[in-house]
Amino acid sequence: MNRPDDFERVADNSDQASRVEEITTEEGIRKALSRIEKAPSHFDGINCIDCDEPIPEARLKTGAFRDIECQEKHEKQKRNHRSHYE
């Protein structure tokens, strides 16, 4: 049989879980809005902005707009461009 202090402990855990969910949800919303604000206007939220191939879901969650191959090409071009003008 449950004792009163067991009930309080369960209630506290439930309150903590609710708060964690709330914070996580708020944080998730803030991150999503930040990614949307930074996204190029032609990014559809699914496909690479360079090759139009689907970006894996795990990569999309990082806020990426390019698939890995196109991102590597983009970074290489940026490095080459910078070194050309230095």
C-alpha atoms as a PDB file:
ATOM      1  CA  MET A   1       0.000   0.000   0.000  1.00  0.00           C
ATOM      2  CA  ASN A   2       1.250   3.508  -0.847  1.00  0.00           C
ATOM      3  CA  ARG A   3       2.240   5.808   1.937  1.00  0.00           C
ATOM      4  CA  PRO A   4       1.500   9.568   1.763  1.00  0.00           C
ATOM      5  CA  ASP A   5       5.181  10.396   1.167  1.00  0.00           C
ATOM      6  CA  ASP A   6       5.198   8.017  -1.821  1.00  0.00           C
ATOM      7  CA  PHE A   7       2.278   9.949  -3.283  1.00  0.00           C
ATOM      8  CA  GLU A   8       4.136  13.253  -2.801  1.00  0.00           C
ATOM      9  CA  ARG A   9       7.240  11.813  -4.459  1.00  0.00           C
ATOM     10  CA  VAL A  10       5.197  10.666  -7.456  1.00  0.00           C
ATOM     11  CA  ALA A  11       3.511  14.073  -7.676  1.00  0.00           C
ATOM     12  CA  ASP A  12       6.906  15.826  -7.521  1.00  0.00           C
ATOM     13  CA  ASN A  13       8.267  13.591 -10.275  1.00  0.00           C
ATOM     14  CA  SER A  14       5.209  14.285 -12.379  1.00  0.00           C
ATOM     15  CA  ASP A  15       5.586  18.038 -11.848  1.00  0.00           C
ATOM     16  CA  GLN A  16       9.257  17.831 -12.776  1.00  0.00           C
ATOM     17  CA  ALA A  17       8.466  15.830 -15.895  1.00  0.00           C
ATOM     18  CA  SER A  18       5.828  18.365 -16.915  1.00  0.00           C
ATOM     19  CA  ARG A  19       8.296  21.223 -16.448  1.00  0.00           C
ATOM     20  CA  VAL A  20      11.017  19.433 -18.430  1.00  0.00           C
ATOM     21  CA  GLU A  21       8.532  18.834 -21.237  1.00  0.00           C
ATOM     22  CA  GLU A  22       7.491  22.489 -21.169  1.00  0.00           C
ATOM     23  CA  ILE A  23      11.090  23.736 -21.266  1.00  0.00           C
ATOM     24  CA  THR A  24      11.997  21.268 -23.986  1.00  0.00           C
ATOM     25  CA  THR A  25       9.010  22.325 -26.047  1.00  0.00           C
ATOM     26  CA  GLU A  26       9.795  26.039 -25.605  1.00  0.00           C
ATOM     27  CA  GLU A  27      13.430  25.401 -26.449  1.00  0.00           C
ATOM     28  CA  GLY A  28      12.447  23.373 -29.488  1.00  0.00           C
ATOM     29  CA  ILE A  29      10.182  26.150 -30.697  1.00  0.00           C
ATOM     30  CA  ARG A  30      12.921  28.767 -30.229  1.00  0.00           C
ATOM     31  CA  LYS A  31      15.422  26.630 -32.128  1.00  0.00           C
ATOM     32  CA  ALA A  32      12.972  25.985 -34.942  1.00  0.00           C
ATOM     33  CA  LEU A  33      12.195  29.695 -35.261  1.00  0.00           C
ATOM     34  CA  SER A  34      15.884  30.499 -35.309  1.00  0.00           C
ATOM     35  CA  ARG A  35      16.482  27.994 -38.107  1.00  0.00           C
ATOM     36  CA  ILE A  36      13.555  29.395 -40.089  1.00  0.00           C
ATOM     37  CA  GLU A  37      14.912  32.936 -39.755  1.00  0.00           C
ATOM     38  CA  LYS A  38      18.337  31.814 -41.019  1.00  0.00           C
ATOM     39  CA  ALA A  39      16.993  29.653 -43.841  1.00  0.00           C
ATOM     40  CA  PRO A  40      17.466  30.806 -47.420  1.00  0.00           C
ATOM     41  CA  SER A  41      14.177  31.863 -48.995  1.00  0.00           C
ATOM     42  CA  HIS A  42      14.277  28.962 -51.459  1.00  0.00           C
ATOM     43  CA  PHE A  43      14.776  26.281 -48.765  1.00  0.00           C
ATOM     44  CA  ASP A  44      11.688  24.063 -48.631  1.00  0.00           C
ATOM     45  CA  GLY A  45      12.621  22.455 -45.304  1.00  0.00           C
ATOM     46  CA  ILE A  46      13.345  19.048 -46.835  1.00  0.00           C
ATOM     47  CA  ASN A  47      15.619  19.241 -49.867  1.00  0.00           C
ATOM     48  CA  CYS A  48      19.184  20.489 -50.281  1.00  0.00           C
ATOM     49  CA  ILE A  49      19.325  24.084 -51.540  1.00  0.00           C
ATOM     50  CA  ASP A  50      22.045  23.159 -54.048  1.00  0.00           C
ATOM     51  CA  CYS A  51      21.151  19.753 -55.513  1.00  0.00           C
ATOM     52  CA  ASP A  52      17.475  19.489 -54.474  1.00  0.00           C
ATOM     53  CA  GLU A  53      18.020  15.996 -53.032  1.00  0.00           C
ATOM     54  CA  PRO A  54      16.330  15.120 -49.711  1.00  0.00           C
ATOM     55  CA  ILE A  55      18.380  15.898 -46.597  1.00  0.00           C
ATOM     56  CA  PRO A  56      18.381  13.107 -43.972  1.00  0.00           C
ATOM     57  CA  GLU A  57      16.101  13.893 -41.021  1.00  0.00           C
ATOM     58  CA  ALA A  58      18.928  13.783 -38.477  1.00  0.00           C
ATOM     59  CA  ARG A  59      20.828  16.382 -40.510  1.00  0.00           C
ATOM     60  CA  LEU A  60      17.726  18.569 -40.867  1.00  0.00           C
ATOM     61  CA  LYS A  61      17.436  18.637 -37.082  1.00  0.00           C
ATOM     62  CA  THR A  62      20.852  20.319 -36.920  1.00  0.00           C
ATOM     63  CA  GLY A  63      19.521  23.191 -39.014  1.00  0.00           C
ATOM     64  CA  ALA A  64      21.354  22.194 -42.204  1.00  0.00           C
ATOM     65  CA  PHE A  65      20.184  23.529 -45.581  1.00  0.00           C
ATOM     66  CA  ARG A  66      22.541  21.360 -47.635  1.00  0.00           C
ATOM     67  CA  ASP A  67      23.243  17.641 -47.730  1.00  0.00           C
ATOM     68  CA  ILE A  68      26.721  16.619 -46.582  1.00  0.00           C
ATOM     69  CA  GLU A  69      28.234  16.413 -50.074  1.00  0.00           C
ATOM     70  CA  CYS A  70      26.998  19.870 -51.083  1.00  0.00           C
ATOM     71  CA  GLN A  71      28.019  21.345 -47.714  1.00  0.00           C
ATOM     72  CA  GLU A  72      31.558  20.014 -48.186  1.00  0.00           C
ATOM     73  CA  LYS A  73      31.693  21.531 -51.693  1.00  0.00           C
ATOM     74  CA  HIS A  74      30.362  24.836 -50.346  1.00  0.00           C
ATOM     75  CA  GLU A  75      32.958  24.963 -47.569  1.00  0.00           C
ATOM     76  CA  LYS A  76      35.758  24.114 -50.010  1.00  0.00           C
ATOM     77  CA  GLN A  77      34.648  26.910 -52.330  1.00  0.00           C
ATOM     78  CA  LYS A  78      34.556  29.350 -49.418  1.00  0.00           C
ATOM     79  CA  ARG A  79      38.094  28.345 -48.367  1.00  0.00           C
ATOM     80  CA  ASN A  80      39.373  28.696 -51.924  1.00  0.00           C
ATOM     81  CA  HIS A  81      37.662  32.053 -52.324  1.00  0.00           C
ATOM     82  CA  ARG A  82      39.133  33.393 -49.048  1.00  0.00           C
ATOM     83  CA  SER A  83      42.640  32.172 -49.795  1.00  0.00           C
ATOM     84  CA  HIS A  84      42.459  33.757 -53.239  1.00  0.00           C
ATOM     85  CA  TYR A  85      41.891  37.198 -51.679  1.00  0.00           C
ATOM     86  CA  GLU A  86      44.313  36.897 -48.756  1.00  0.00           C
END
